[in-house]
């Protein structure tokens, strides 16, 4: 619960304080930076064993049980969430698709290279 509340409040405050950049290059840079920062944050708190939310619990638990990679499991989870969102009437954007396809590989790479989860 705290995760959802803190993320929601943080997003609201950030959007209230910062203007949306008009330059496309800045918007693309922020999108890519946000995806990378999310992967880094995930790798840091999962690797530090600071507790996992439901999605991150599945991301780490399913590979242990099935032998599949974190990369594959996280990508499948994200694509499932995107599909459900679209079926519920949500709109599909480039950033959503890019996030869904890259967060798993980036998180696995950062977990493995950072030595946080050997052989992730």
PDB file of N, CA and C in Angstrom:
ATOM      1  N   UNK A   1       0.826  -1.193   0.000  1.00  0.00           N
ATOM      2  CA  UNK A   1       0.000   0.000   0.000  1.00  0.00           C
ATOM      3  C   UNK A   1       0.866   1.251   0.000  1.00  0.00           C
ATOM      4  N   UNK A   2       1.887   1.254   0.839  1.00  0.00           N
ATOM      5  CA  UNK A   2       2.740   2.434   0.933  1.00  0.00           C
ATOM      6  C   UNK A   2       3.393   2.739  -0.408  1.00  0.00           C
ATOM      7  N   UNK A   3       3.784   1.690  -1.130  1.00  0.00           N
ATOM      8  CA  UNK A   3       4.419   1.876  -2.428  1.00  0.00           C
ATOM      9  C   UNK A   3       3.490   2.658  -3.357  1.00  0.00           C
ATOM     10  N   UNK A   4       2.233   2.251  -3.467  1.00  0.00           N
ATOM     11  CA  UNK A   4       1.277   2.919  -4.345  1.00  0.00           C
ATOM     12  C   UNK A   4       1.032   4.358  -3.910  1.00  0.00           C
ATOM     13  N   UNK A   5       0.916   4.571  -2.622  1.00  0.00           N
ATOM     14  CA  UNK A   5       0.644   5.917  -2.112  1.00  0.00           C
ATOM     15  C   UNK A   5       1.835   6.834  -2.348  1.00  0.00           C
ATOM     16  N   UNK A   6       3.032   6.370  -2.012  1.00  0.00           N
ATOM     17  CA  UNK A   6       4.232   7.204  -2.173  1.00  0.00           C
ATOM     18  C   UNK A   6       4.493   7.499  -3.645  1.00  0.00           C
ATOM     19  N   UNK A   7       4.356   6.508  -4.501  1.00  0.00           N
ATOM     20  CA  UNK A   7       4.569   6.722  -5.933  1.00  0.00           C
ATOM     21  C   UNK A   7       3.538   7.707  -6.474  1.00  0.00           C
ATOM     22  N   UNK A   8       2.287   7.542  -6.100  1.00  0.00           N
ATOM     23  CA  UNK A   8       1.236   8.441  -6.570  1.00  0.00           C
ATOM     24  C   UNK A   8       1.461   9.877  -6.130  1.00  0.00           C
ATOM     25  N   UNK A   9       1.766  10.061  -4.867  1.00  0.00           N
ATOM     26  CA  UNK A   9       2.015  11.411  -4.346  1.00  0.00           C
ATOM     27  C   UNK A   9       3.259  12.004  -5.002  1.00  0.00           C
ATOM     28  N   UNK A  10       4.307  11.215  -5.148  1.00  0.00           N
ATOM     29  CA  UNK A  10       5.538  11.703  -5.788  1.00  0.00           C
ATOM     30  C   UNK A  10       5.282  12.138  -7.225  1.00  0.00           C
ATOM     31  N   UNK A  11       4.497  11.362  -7.949  1.00  0.00           N
ATOM     32  CA  UNK A  11       4.168  11.724  -9.334  1.00  0.00           C
ATOM     33  C   UNK A  11       3.352  13.009  -9.377  1.00  0.00           C
ATOM     34  N   UNK A  12       2.377  13.131  -8.505  1.00  0.00           N
ATOM     35  CA  UNK A  12       1.550  14.342  -8.480  1.00  0.00           C
ATOM     36  C   UNK A  12       2.387  15.584  -8.164  1.00  0.00           C
ATOM     37  N   UNK A  13       3.253  15.499  -7.171  1.00  0.00           N
ATOM     38  CA  UNK A  13       4.092  16.639  -6.788  1.00  0.00           C
ATOM     39  C   UNK A  13       5.055  17.000  -7.919  1.00  0.00           C
ATOM     40  N   UNK A  14       5.680  15.991  -8.518  1.00  0.00           N
ATOM     41  CA  UNK A  14       6.617  16.241  -9.613  1.00  0.00           C
ATOM     42  C   UNK A  14       5.919  16.924 -10.781  1.00  0.00           C
ATOM     43  N   UNK A  15       4.751  16.415 -11.165  1.00  0.00           N
ATOM     44  CA  UNK A  15       4.013  17.011 -12.280  1.00  0.00           C
ATOM     45  C   UNK A  15       3.543  18.425 -11.963  1.00  0.00           C
ATOM     46  N   UNK A  16       3.253  18.705 -10.707  1.00  0.00           N
ATOM     47  CA  UNK A  16       2.836  20.053 -10.315  1.00  0.00           C
ATOM     48  C   UNK A  16       4.001  21.034 -10.344  1.00  0.00           C
ATOM     49  N   UNK A  17       5.209  20.560 -10.082  1.00  0.00           N
ATOM     50  CA  UNK A  17       6.375  21.443 -10.007  1.00  0.00           C
ATOM     51  C   UNK A  17       7.109  21.633 -11.329  1.00  0.00           C
ATOM     52  N   UNK A  18       7.057  20.636 -12.194  1.00  0.00           N
ATOM     53  CA  UNK A  18       7.828  20.693 -13.438  1.00  0.00           C
ATOM     54  C   UNK A  18       6.909  20.797 -14.646  1.00  0.00           C
ATOM     55  N   UNK A  19       7.302  21.627 -15.585  1.00  0.00           N
ATOM     56  CA  UNK A  19       6.559  21.727 -16.843  1.00  0.00           C
ATOM     57  C   UNK A  19       6.952  20.584 -17.765  1.00  0.00           C
ATOM     58  N   UNK A  20       6.038  20.218 -18.635  1.00  0.00           N
ATOM     59  CA  UNK A  20       6.329  19.217 -19.668  1.00  0.00           C
ATOM     60  C   UNK A  20       7.242  19.862 -20.706  1.00  0.00           C
ATOM     61  N   UNK A  21       8.359  19.218 -21.017  1.00  0.00           N
ATOM     62  CA  UNK A  21       9.250  19.823 -22.008  1.00  0.00           C
ATOM     63  C   UNK A  21       8.610  19.826 -23.395  1.00  0.00           C
ATOM     64  N   UNK A  22       8.828  20.912 -24.118  1.00  0.00           N
ATOM     65  CA  UNK A  22       8.262  21.024 -25.467  1.00  0.00           C
ATOM     66  C   UNK A  22       9.135  20.360 -26.511  1.00  0.00           C
ATOM     67  N   UNK A  23      10.430  20.305 -26.273  1.00  0.00           N
ATOM     68  CA  UNK A  23      11.369  19.744 -27.245  1.00  0.00           C
ATOM     69  C   UNK A  23      11.284  18.222 -27.198  1.00  0.00           C
ATOM     70  N   UNK A  24      11.085  17.611 -28.366  1.00  0.00           N
ATOM     71  CA  UNK A  24      10.924  16.157 -28.446  1.00  0.00           C
ATOM     72  C   UNK A  24      12.151  15.429 -27.890  1.00  0.00           C
ATOM     73  N   UNK A  25      13.338  15.930 -28.192  1.00  0.00           N
ATOM     74  CA  UNK A  25      14.565  15.281 -27.708  1.00  0.00           C
ATOM     75  C   UNK A  25      14.599  15.234 -26.181  1.00  0.00           C
ATOM     76  N   UNK A  26      14.136  16.287 -25.538  1.00  0.00           N
ATOM     77  CA  UNK A  26      14.102  16.307 -24.069  1.00  0.00           C
ATOM     78  C   UNK A  26      13.092  15.294 -23.546  1.00  0.00           C
ATOM     79  N   UNK A  27      11.958  15.199 -24.213  1.00  0.00           N
ATOM     80  CA  UNK A  27      10.929  14.245 -23.786  1.00  0.00           C
ATOM     81  C   UNK A  27      11.411  12.806 -23.942  1.00  0.00           C
ATOM     82  N   UNK A  28      12.087  12.535 -25.062  1.00  0.00           N
ATOM     83  CA  UNK A  28      12.637  11.190 -25.287  1.00  0.00           C
ATOM     84  C   UNK A  28      13.720  10.888 -24.256  1.00  0.00           C
ATOM     85  N   UNK A  29      14.568  11.858 -23.996  1.00  0.00           N
ATOM     86  CA  UNK A  29      15.625  11.676 -22.997  1.00  0.00           C
ATOM     87  C   UNK A  29      15.070  11.389 -21.610  1.00  0.00           C
ATOM     88  N   UNK A  30      14.036  12.114 -21.229  1.00  0.00           N
ATOM     89  CA  UNK A  30      13.404  11.877 -19.927  1.00  0.00           C
ATOM     90  C   UNK A  30      12.753  10.501 -19.864  1.00  0.00           C
ATOM     91  N   UNK A  31      12.125  10.094 -20.961  1.00  0.00           N
ATOM     92  CA  UNK A  31      11.496   8.769 -21.003  1.00  0.00           C
ATOM     93  C   UNK A  31      12.559   7.674 -20.844  1.00  0.00           C
ATOM     94  N   UNK A  32      13.622   7.764 -21.637  1.00  0.00           N
ATOM     95  CA  UNK A  32      14.677   6.745 -21.563  1.00  0.00           C
ATOM     96  C   UNK A  32      15.371   6.763 -20.208  1.00  0.00           C
ATOM     97  N   UNK A  33      15.622   7.960 -19.686  1.00  0.00           N
ATOM     98  CA  UNK A  33      16.238   8.075 -18.362  1.00  0.00           C
ATOM     99  C   UNK A  33      15.350   7.498 -17.275  1.00  0.00           C
ATOM    100  N   UNK A  34      14.039   7.711 -17.403  1.00  0.00           N
ATOM    101  CA  UNK A  34      13.096   7.167 -16.429  1.00  0.00           C
ATOM    102  C   UNK A  34      13.076   5.650 -16.429  1.00  0.00           C
ATOM    103  N   UNK A  35      13.130   5.064 -17.616  1.00  0.00           N
ATOM    104  CA  UNK A  35      13.150   3.600 -17.713  1.00  0.00           C
ATOM    105  C   UNK A  35      14.427   3.052 -17.086  1.00  0.00           C
ATOM    106  N   UNK A  36      15.552   3.656 -17.404  1.00  0.00           N
ATOM    107  CA  UNK A  36      16.831   3.201 -16.846  1.00  0.00           C
ATOM    108  C   UNK A  36      16.862   3.385 -15.329  1.00  0.00           C
ATOM    109  N   UNK A  37      16.362   4.510 -14.862  1.00  0.00           N
ATOM    110  CA  UNK A  37      16.334   4.763 -13.418  1.00  0.00           C
ATOM    111  C   UNK A  37      15.423   3.775 -12.690  1.00  0.00           C
ATOM    112  N   UNK A  38      14.300   3.429 -13.304  1.00  0.00           N
ATOM    113  CA  UNK A  38      13.400   2.433 -12.716  1.00  0.00           C
ATOM    114  C   UNK A  38      14.078   1.070 -12.624  1.00  0.00           C
ATOM    115  N   UNK A  39      14.796   0.682 -13.673  1.00  0.00           N
ATOM    116  CA  UNK A  39      15.516  -0.598 -13.653  1.00  0.00           C
ATOM    117  C   UNK A  39      16.605  -0.588 -12.584  1.00  0.00           C
ATOM    118  N   UNK A  40      17.321   0.521 -12.474  1.00  0.00           N
ATOM    119  CA  UNK A  40      18.374   0.627 -11.457  1.00  0.00           C
ATOM    120  C   UNK A  40      17.782   0.556 -10.048  1.00  0.00           C
ATOM    121  N   UNK A  41      16.696   1.284  -9.829  1.00  0.00           N
ATOM    122  CA  UNK A  41      16.059   1.269  -8.502  1.00  0.00           C
ATOM    123  C   UNK A  41      15.559  -0.130  -8.159  1.00  0.00           C
ATOM    124  N   UNK A  42      14.967  -0.806  -9.137  1.00  0.00           N
ATOM    125  CA  UNK A  42      14.488  -2.173  -8.913  1.00  0.00           C
ATOM    126  C   UNK A  42      15.650  -3.092  -8.552  1.00  0.00           C
ATOM    127  N   UNK A  43      16.737  -2.998  -9.312  1.00  0.00           N
ATOM    128  CA  UNK A  43      17.904  -3.840  -9.048  1.00  0.00           C
ATOM    129  C   UNK A  43      18.478  -3.552  -7.666  1.00  0.00           C
ATOM    130  N   UNK A  44      18.504  -2.299  -7.273  1.00  0.00           N
ATOM    131  CA  UNK A  44      19.072  -1.949  -5.967  1.00  0.00           C
ATOM    132  C   UNK A  44      18.226  -2.468  -4.814  1.00  0.00           C
ATOM    133  N   UNK A  45      16.902  -2.256  -4.856  1.00  0.00           N
ATOM    134  CA  UNK A  45      16.130  -2.697  -3.689  1.00  0.00           C
ATOM    135  C   UNK A  45      15.870  -4.196  -3.693  1.00  0.00           C
ATOM    136  N   UNK A  46      15.766  -4.814  -4.868  1.00  0.00           N
ATOM    137  CA  UNK A  46      15.626  -6.275  -4.902  1.00  0.00           C
ATOM    138  C   UNK A  46      16.933  -6.916  -4.459  1.00  0.00           C
ATOM    139  N   UNK A  47      18.047  -6.415  -4.978  1.00  0.00           N
ATOM    140  CA  UNK A  47      19.358  -6.960  -4.626  1.00  0.00           C
ATOM    141  C   UNK A  47      19.704  -6.768  -3.163  1.00  0.00           C
ATOM    142  N   UNK A  48      19.216  -5.680  -2.573  1.00  0.00           N
ATOM    143  CA  UNK A  48      19.491  -5.400  -1.160  1.00  0.00           C
ATOM    144  C   UNK A  48      18.517  -6.116  -0.230  1.00  0.00           C
ATOM    145  N   UNK A  49      17.571  -6.878  -0.814  1.00  0.00           N
ATOM    146  CA  UNK A  49      16.582  -7.618  -0.025  1.00  0.00           C
ATOM    147  C   UNK A  49      15.746  -6.692   0.871  1.00  0.00           C
ATOM    148  N   UNK A  50      15.320  -5.560   0.307  1.00  0.00           N
ATOM    149  CA  UNK A  50      14.523  -4.594   1.072  1.00  0.00           C
ATOM    150  C   UNK A  50      13.024  -4.834   0.959  1.00  0.00           C
ATOM    151  N   UNK A  51      12.645  -5.967   0.451  1.00  0.00           N
ATOM    152  CA  UNK A  51      11.236  -6.294   0.321  1.00  0.00           C
ATOM    153  C   UNK A  51      10.780  -6.098  -1.106  1.00  0.00           C
ATOM    154  N   UNK A  52       9.872  -6.939  -1.539  1.00  0.00           N
ATOM    155  CA  UNK A  52       9.394  -6.889  -2.916  1.00  0.00           C
ATOM    156  C   UNK A  52       7.885  -6.704  -2.928  1.00  0.00           C
ATOM    157  N   UNK A  53       7.428  -5.965  -3.914  1.00  0.00           N
ATOM    158  CA  UNK A  53       5.993  -5.869  -4.154  1.00  0.00           C
ATOM    159  C   UNK A  53       5.542  -7.106  -4.906  1.00  0.00           C
ATOM    160  N   UNK A  54       4.255  -7.199  -5.211  1.00  0.00           N
ATOM    161  CA  UNK A  54       3.738  -8.389  -5.895  1.00  0.00           C
ATOM    162  C   UNK A  54       4.421  -8.664  -7.230  1.00  0.00           C
ATOM    163  N   UNK A  55       4.606  -7.640  -8.048  1.00  0.00           N
ATOM    164  CA  UNK A  55       5.203  -7.859  -9.361  1.00  0.00           C
ATOM    165  C   UNK A  55       6.670  -8.270  -9.232  1.00  0.00           C
ATOM    166  N   UNK A  56       7.391  -7.634  -8.334  1.00  0.00           N
ATOM    167  CA  UNK A  56       8.795  -7.992  -8.163  1.00  0.00           C
ATOM    168  C   UNK A  56       8.948  -9.341  -7.473  1.00  0.00           C
ATOM    169  N   UNK A  57       7.978  -9.710  -6.637  1.00  0.00           N
ATOM    170  CA  UNK A  57       7.988 -11.046  -6.048  1.00  0.00           C
ATOM    171  C   UNK A  57       7.833 -12.119  -7.113  1.00  0.00           C
ATOM    172  N   UNK A  58       6.929 -11.875  -8.065  1.00  0.00           N
ATOM    173  CA  UNK A  58       6.786 -12.802  -9.187  1.00  0.00           C
ATOM    174  C   UNK A  58       8.040 -12.801 -10.055  1.00  0.00           C
ATOM    175  N   UNK A  59       8.625 -11.606 -10.251  1.00  0.00           N
ATOM    176  CA  UNK A  59       9.810 -11.476 -11.094  1.00  0.00           C
ATOM    177  C   UNK A  59      10.991 -12.280 -10.548  1.00  0.00           C
ATOM    178  N   UNK A  60      11.078 -12.412  -9.247  1.00  0.00           N
ATOM    179  CA  UNK A  60      12.187 -13.162  -8.651  1.00  0.00           C
ATOM    180  C   UNK A  60      11.799 -14.592  -8.277  1.00  0.00           C
ATOM    181  N   UNK A  61      10.533 -14.807  -7.933  1.00  0.00           N
ATOM    182  CA  UNK A  61      10.100 -16.136  -7.515  1.00  0.00           C
ATOM    183  C   UNK A  61       9.912 -17.114  -8.668  1.00  0.00           C
ATOM    184  N   UNK A  62       9.320 -16.654  -9.766  1.00  0.00           N
ATOM    185  CA  UNK A  62       9.110 -17.551 -10.905  1.00  0.00           C
ATOM    186  C   UNK A  62      10.416 -18.071 -11.498  1.00  0.00           C
ATOM    187  N   UNK A  63      11.444 -17.254 -11.628  1.00  0.00           N
ATOM    188  CA  UNK A  63      12.709 -17.812 -12.119  1.00  0.00           C
ATOM    189  C   UNK A  63      13.286 -18.895 -11.208  1.00  0.00           C
ATOM    190  N   UNK A  64      13.121 -18.728  -9.901  1.00  0.00           N
ATOM    191  CA  UNK A  64      13.599 -19.759  -8.974  1.00  0.00           C
ATOM    192  C   UNK A  64      12.865 -21.078  -9.181  1.00  0.00           C
ATOM    193  N   UNK A  65      11.564 -20.989  -9.398  1.00  0.00           N
ATOM    194  CA  UNK A  65      10.744 -22.196  -9.548  1.00  0.00           C
ATOM    195  C   UNK A  65      10.832 -22.818 -10.932  1.00  0.00           C
ATOM    196  N   UNK A  66      10.993 -21.984 -11.963  1.00  0.00           N
ATOM    197  CA  UNK A  66      10.904 -22.479 -13.335  1.00  0.00           C
ATOM    198  C   UNK A  66      12.233 -22.571 -14.066  1.00  0.00           C
ATOM    199  N   UNK A  67      13.249 -21.858 -13.574  1.00  0.00           N
ATOM    200  CA  UNK A  67      14.525 -21.808 -14.283  1.00  0.00           C
ATOM    201  C   UNK A  67      14.548 -20.772 -15.399  1.00  0.00           C
ATOM    202  N   UNK A  68      13.438 -20.071 -15.602  1.00  0.00           N
ATOM    203  CA  UNK A  68      13.405 -19.004 -16.608  1.00  0.00           C
ATOM    204  C   UNK A  68      14.207 -17.804 -16.110  1.00  0.00           C
ATOM    205  N   UNK A  69      14.589 -16.937 -17.019  1.00  0.00           N
ATOM    206  CA  UNK A  69      15.365 -15.757 -16.638  1.00  0.00           C
ATOM    207  C   UNK A  69      14.457 -14.669 -16.074  1.00  0.00           C
ATOM    208  N   UNK A  70      15.044 -13.816 -15.253  1.00  0.00           N
ATOM    209  CA  UNK A  70      14.338 -12.638 -14.750  1.00  0.00           C
ATOM    210  C   UNK A  70      13.892 -11.791 -15.935  1.00  0.00           C
ATOM    211  N   UNK A  71      14.755 -11.671 -16.914  1.00  0.00           N
ATOM    212  CA  UNK A  71      14.464 -10.888 -18.119  1.00  0.00           C
ATOM    213  C   UNK A  71      13.155 -11.353 -18.762  1.00  0.00           C
ATOM    214  N   UNK A  72      13.020 -12.646 -18.981  1.00  0.00           N
ATOM    215  CA  UNK A  72      11.840 -13.196 -19.638  1.00  0.00           C
ATOM    216  C   UNK A  72      10.592 -13.060 -18.767  1.00  0.00           C
ATOM    217  N   UNK A  73      10.715 -13.383 -17.500  1.00  0.00           N
ATOM    218  CA  UNK A  73       9.566 -13.329 -16.592  1.00  0.00           C
ATOM    219  C   UNK A  73       9.068 -11.894 -16.448  1.00  0.00           C
ATOM    220  N   UNK A  74       9.961 -10.939 -16.227  1.00  0.00           N
ATOM    221  CA  UNK A  74       9.536  -9.540 -16.043  1.00  0.00           C
ATOM    222  C   UNK A  74       8.907  -8.996 -17.316  1.00  0.00           C
ATOM    223  N   UNK A  75       9.481  -9.337 -18.471  1.00  0.00           N
ATOM    224  CA  UNK A  75       8.909  -8.876 -19.738  1.00  0.00           C
ATOM    225  C   UNK A  75       7.513  -9.452 -19.934  1.00  0.00           C
ATOM    226  N   UNK A  76       7.327 -10.730 -19.641  1.00  0.00           N
ATOM    227  CA  UNK A  76       6.006 -11.351 -19.766  1.00  0.00           C
ATOM    228  C   UNK A  76       4.999 -10.704 -18.815  1.00  0.00           C
ATOM    229  N   UNK A  77       5.425 -10.413 -17.588  1.00  0.00           N
ATOM    230  CA  UNK A  77       4.543  -9.752 -16.629  1.00  0.00           C
ATOM    231  C   UNK A  77       4.118  -8.380 -17.136  1.00  0.00           C
ATOM    232  N   UNK A  78       5.084  -7.599 -17.610  1.00  0.00           N
ATOM    233  CA  UNK A  78       4.786  -6.249 -18.089  1.00  0.00           C
ATOM    234  C   UNK A  78       3.879  -6.274 -19.311  1.00  0.00           C
ATOM    235  N   UNK A  79       4.141  -7.195 -20.248  1.00  0.00           N
ATOM    236  CA  UNK A  79       3.295  -7.286 -21.438  1.00  0.00           C
ATOM    237  C   UNK A  79       1.879  -7.715 -21.076  1.00  0.00           C
ATOM    238  N   UNK A  80       1.747  -8.565 -20.070  1.00  0.00           N
ATOM    239  CA  UNK A  80       0.421  -8.963 -19.590  1.00  0.00           C
ATOM    240  C   UNK A  80      -0.321  -7.767 -19.011  1.00  0.00           C
ATOM    241  N   UNK A  81       0.370  -6.967 -18.223  1.00  0.00           N
ATOM    242  CA  UNK A  81      -0.239  -5.767 -17.636  1.00  0.00           C
ATOM    243  C   UNK A  81      -0.655  -4.789 -18.735  1.00  0.00           C
ATOM    244  N   UNK A  82       0.188  -4.621 -19.743  1.00  0.00           N
ATOM    245  CA  UNK A  82      -0.146  -3.732 -20.864  1.00  0.00           C
ATOM    246  C   UNK A  82      -1.391  -4.250 -21.587  1.00  0.00           C
ATOM    247  N   UNK A  83      -1.441  -5.535 -21.855  1.00  0.00           N
ATOM    248  CA  UNK A  83      -2.586  -6.122 -22.547  1.00  0.00           C
ATOM    249  C   UNK A  83      -3.876  -5.928 -21.749  1.00  0.00           C
ATOM    250  N   UNK A  84      -3.825  -6.185 -20.457  1.00  0.00           N
ATOM    251  CA  UNK A  84      -5.010  -5.997 -19.608  1.00  0.00           C
ATOM    252  C   UNK A  84      -5.430  -4.520 -19.637  1.00  0.00           C
ATOM    253  N   UNK A  85      -4.471  -3.628 -19.563  1.00  0.00           N
ATOM    254  CA  UNK A  85      -4.787  -2.204 -19.619  1.00  0.00           C
ATOM    255  C   UNK A  85      -5.473  -1.811 -20.921  1.00  0.00           C
ATOM    256  N   UNK A  86      -4.971  -2.327 -22.025  1.00  0.00           N
ATOM    257  CA  UNK A  86      -5.584  -2.040 -23.329  1.00  0.00           C
ATOM    258  C   UNK A  86      -6.988  -2.635 -23.392  1.00  0.00           C
ATOM    259  N   UNK A  87      -7.153  -3.854 -22.901  1.00  0.00           N
ATOM    260  CA  UNK A  87      -8.472  -4.491 -22.909  1.00  0.00           C
ATOM    261  C   UNK A  87      -9.471  -3.743 -22.028  1.00  0.00           C
ATOM    262  N   UNK A  88      -8.973  -3.057 -21.018  1.00  0.00           N
ATOM    263  CA  UNK A  88      -9.844  -2.264 -20.143  1.00  0.00           C
ATOM    264  C   UNK A  88     -10.109  -0.863 -20.693  1.00  0.00           C
ATOM    265  N   UNK A  89      -9.551  -0.576 -21.887  1.00  0.00           N
ATOM    266  CA  UNK A  89      -9.826   0.706 -22.519  1.00  0.00           C
ATOM    267  C   UNK A  89      -8.687   1.706 -22.477  1.00  0.00           C
ATOM    268  N   UNK A  90      -7.539   1.294 -21.971  1.00  0.00           N
ATOM    269  CA  UNK A  90      -6.401   2.195 -21.910  1.00  0.00           C
ATOM    270  C   UNK A  90      -5.789   2.439 -23.280  1.00  0.00           C
ATOM    271  N   UNK A  91      -5.016   3.503 -23.370  1.00  0.00           N
ATOM    272  CA  UNK A  91      -4.348   3.828 -24.626  1.00  0.00           C
ATOM    273  C   UNK A  91      -2.910   3.334 -24.578  1.00  0.00           C
ATOM    274  N   UNK A  92      -2.435   2.877 -25.697  1.00  0.00           N
ATOM    275  CA  UNK A  92      -1.088   2.331 -25.809  1.00  0.00           C
ATOM    276  C   UNK A  92      -0.164   3.398 -26.382  1.00  0.00           C
ATOM    277  N   UNK A  93       0.920   3.683 -25.667  1.00  0.00           N
ATOM    278  CA  UNK A  93       1.886   4.673 -26.136  1.00  0.00           C
ATOM    279  C   UNK A  93       3.257   4.052 -26.328  1.00  0.00           C
ATOM    280  N   UNK A  94       4.109   4.795 -27.006  1.00  0.00           N
ATOM    281  CA  UNK A  94       5.473   4.330 -27.278  1.00  0.00           C
ATOM    282  C   UNK A  94       6.217   4.059 -25.975  1.00  0.00           C
ATOM    283  N   UNK A  95       6.089   4.947 -25.012  1.00  0.00           N
ATOM    284  CA  UNK A  95       6.787   4.782 -23.744  1.00  0.00           C
ATOM    285  C   UNK A  95       6.339   3.536 -22.995  1.00  0.00           C
ATOM    286  N   UNK A  96       5.053   3.247 -23.053  1.00  0.00           N
ATOM    287  CA  UNK A  96       4.521   2.056 -22.387  1.00  0.00           C
ATOM    288  C   UNK A  96       5.098   0.790 -23.000  1.00  0.00           C
ATOM    289  N   UNK A  97       5.101   0.735 -24.324  1.00  0.00           N
ATOM    290  CA  UNK A  97       5.630  -0.438 -25.016  1.00  0.00           C
ATOM    291  C   UNK A  97       7.133  -0.562 -24.767  1.00  0.00           C
ATOM    292  N   UNK A  98       7.860   0.550 -24.851  1.00  0.00           N
ATOM    293  CA  UNK A  98       9.303   0.525 -24.625  1.00  0.00           C
ATOM    294  C   UNK A  98       9.628   0.067 -23.196  1.00  0.00           C
ATOM    295  N   UNK A  99       8.885   0.573 -22.218  1.00  0.00           N
ATOM    296  CA  UNK A  99       9.087   0.154 -20.841  1.00  0.00           C
ATOM    297  C   UNK A  99       8.855  -1.342 -20.700  1.00  0.00           C
ATOM    298  N   UNK A 100       7.737  -1.819 -21.224  1.00  0.00           N
ATOM    299  CA  UNK A 100       7.381  -3.236 -21.093  1.00  0.00           C
ATOM    300  C   UNK A 100       8.435  -4.148 -21.711  1.00  0.00           C
ATOM    301  N   UNK A 101       9.023  -3.721 -22.812  1.00  0.00           N
ATOM    302  CA  UNK A 101       9.999  -4.564 -23.508  1.00  0.00           C
ATOM    303  C   UNK A 101      11.423  -4.452 -22.962  1.00  0.00           C
ATOM    304  N   UNK A 102      11.727  -3.375 -22.250  1.00  0.00           N
ATOM    305  CA  UNK A 102      13.118  -3.180 -21.811  1.00  0.00           C
ATOM    306  C   UNK A 102      13.360  -3.303 -20.315  1.00  0.00           C
ATOM    307  N   UNK A 103      12.318  -3.186 -19.487  1.00  0.00           N
ATOM    308  CA  UNK A 103      12.556  -3.191 -18.038  1.00  0.00           C
ATOM    309  C   UNK A 103      13.101  -4.535 -17.552  1.00  0.00           C
ATOM    310  N   UNK A 104      12.653  -5.632 -18.125  1.00  0.00           N
ATOM    311  CA  UNK A 104      13.158  -6.953 -17.724  1.00  0.00           C
ATOM    312  C   UNK A 104      14.628  -7.138 -18.058  1.00  0.00           C
ATOM    313  N   UNK A 105      15.017  -6.930 -19.327  1.00  0.00           N
ATOM    314  CA  UNK A 105      16.427  -7.075 -19.675  1.00  0.00           C
ATOM    315  C   UNK A 105      17.338  -6.102 -18.910  1.00  0.00           C
ATOM    316  N   UNK A 106      16.887  -4.858 -18.738  1.00  0.00           N
ATOM    317  CA  UNK A 106      17.711  -3.885 -18.006  1.00  0.00           C
ATOM    318  C   UNK A 106      17.859  -4.280 -16.537  1.00  0.00           C
ATOM    319  N   UNK A 107      16.768  -4.690 -15.912  1.00  0.00           N
ATOM    320  CA  UNK A 107      16.826  -5.088 -14.507  1.00  0.00           C
ATOM    321  C   UNK A 107      17.748  -6.293 -14.332  1.00  0.00           C
ATOM    322  N   UNK A 108      17.611  -7.290 -15.200  1.00  0.00           N
ATOM    323  CA  UNK A 108      18.479  -8.462 -15.102  1.00  0.00           C
ATOM    324  C   UNK A 108      19.937  -8.075 -15.296  1.00  0.00           C
ATOM    325  N   UNK A 109      20.212  -7.239 -16.273  1.00  0.00           N
ATOM    326  CA  UNK A 109      21.595  -6.819 -16.524  1.00  0.00           C
ATOM    327  C   UNK A 109      22.178  -6.087 -15.322  1.00  0.00           C
ATOM    328  N   UNK A 110      21.389  -5.218 -14.710  1.00  0.00           N
ATOM    329  CA  UNK A 110      21.881  -4.468 -13.561  1.00  0.00           C
ATOM    330  C   UNK A 110      22.033  -5.354 -12.327  1.00  0.00           C
ATOM    331  N   UNK A 111      21.132  -6.305 -12.138  1.00  0.00           N
ATOM    332  CA  UNK A 111      21.252  -7.243 -11.028  1.00  0.00           C
ATOM    333  C   UNK A 111      22.493  -8.117 -11.194  1.00  0.00           C
ATOM    334  N   UNK A 112      22.719  -8.600 -12.408  1.00  0.00           N
ATOM    335  CA  UNK A 112      23.841  -9.494 -12.673  1.00  0.00           C
ATOM    336  C   UNK A 112      25.173  -8.752 -12.644  1.00  0.00           C
ATOM    337  N   UNK A 113      25.245  -7.646 -13.363  1.00  0.00           N
ATOM    338  CA  UNK A 113      26.506  -6.882 -13.435  1.00  0.00           C
ATOM    339  C   UNK A 113      26.873  -6.238 -12.120  1.00  0.00           C
ATOM    340  N   UNK A 114      25.843  -5.881 -11.353  1.00  0.00           N
ATOM    341  CA  UNK A 114      26.102  -5.282 -10.055  1.00  0.00           C
ATOM    342  C   UNK A 114      26.456  -6.315  -8.998  1.00  0.00           C
ATOM    343  N   UNK A 115      26.397  -7.592  -9.377  1.00  0.00           N
ATOM    344  CA  UNK A 115      26.707  -8.660  -8.428  1.00  0.00           C
ATOM    345  C   UNK A 115      25.632  -8.831  -7.372  1.00  0.00           C
ATOM    346  N   UNK A 116      24.467  -8.222  -7.599  1.00  0.00           N
ATOM    347  CA  UNK A 116      23.423  -8.275  -6.603  1.00  0.00           C
ATOM    348  C   UNK A 116      22.718  -9.632  -6.574  1.00  0.00           C
ATOM    349  N   UNK A 117      22.548 -10.232  -7.745  1.00  0.00           N
ATOM    350  CA  UNK A 117      21.940 -11.562  -7.838  1.00  0.00           C
ATOM    351  C   UNK A 117      22.776 -12.357  -8.820  1.00  0.00           C
ATOM    352  N   UNK A 118      23.673 -13.219  -8.321  1.00  0.00           N
ATOM    353  CA  UNK A 118      24.517 -13.991  -9.226  1.00  0.00           C
ATOM    354  C   UNK A 118      23.691 -14.841 -10.162  1.00  0.00           C
ATOM    355  N   UNK A 119      24.004 -14.779 -11.457  1.00  0.00           N
ATOM    356  CA  UNK A 119      23.338 -15.605 -12.451  1.00  0.00           C
ATOM    357  C   UNK A 119      21.887 -15.263 -12.681  1.00  0.00           C
ATOM    358  N   UNK A 120      21.492 -14.048 -12.349  1.00  0.00           N
ATOM    359  CA  UNK A 120      20.076 -13.640 -12.503  1.00  0.00           C
ATOM    360  C   UNK A 120      19.605 -13.799 -13.920  1.00  0.00           C
TER     361      UNK A 120
END
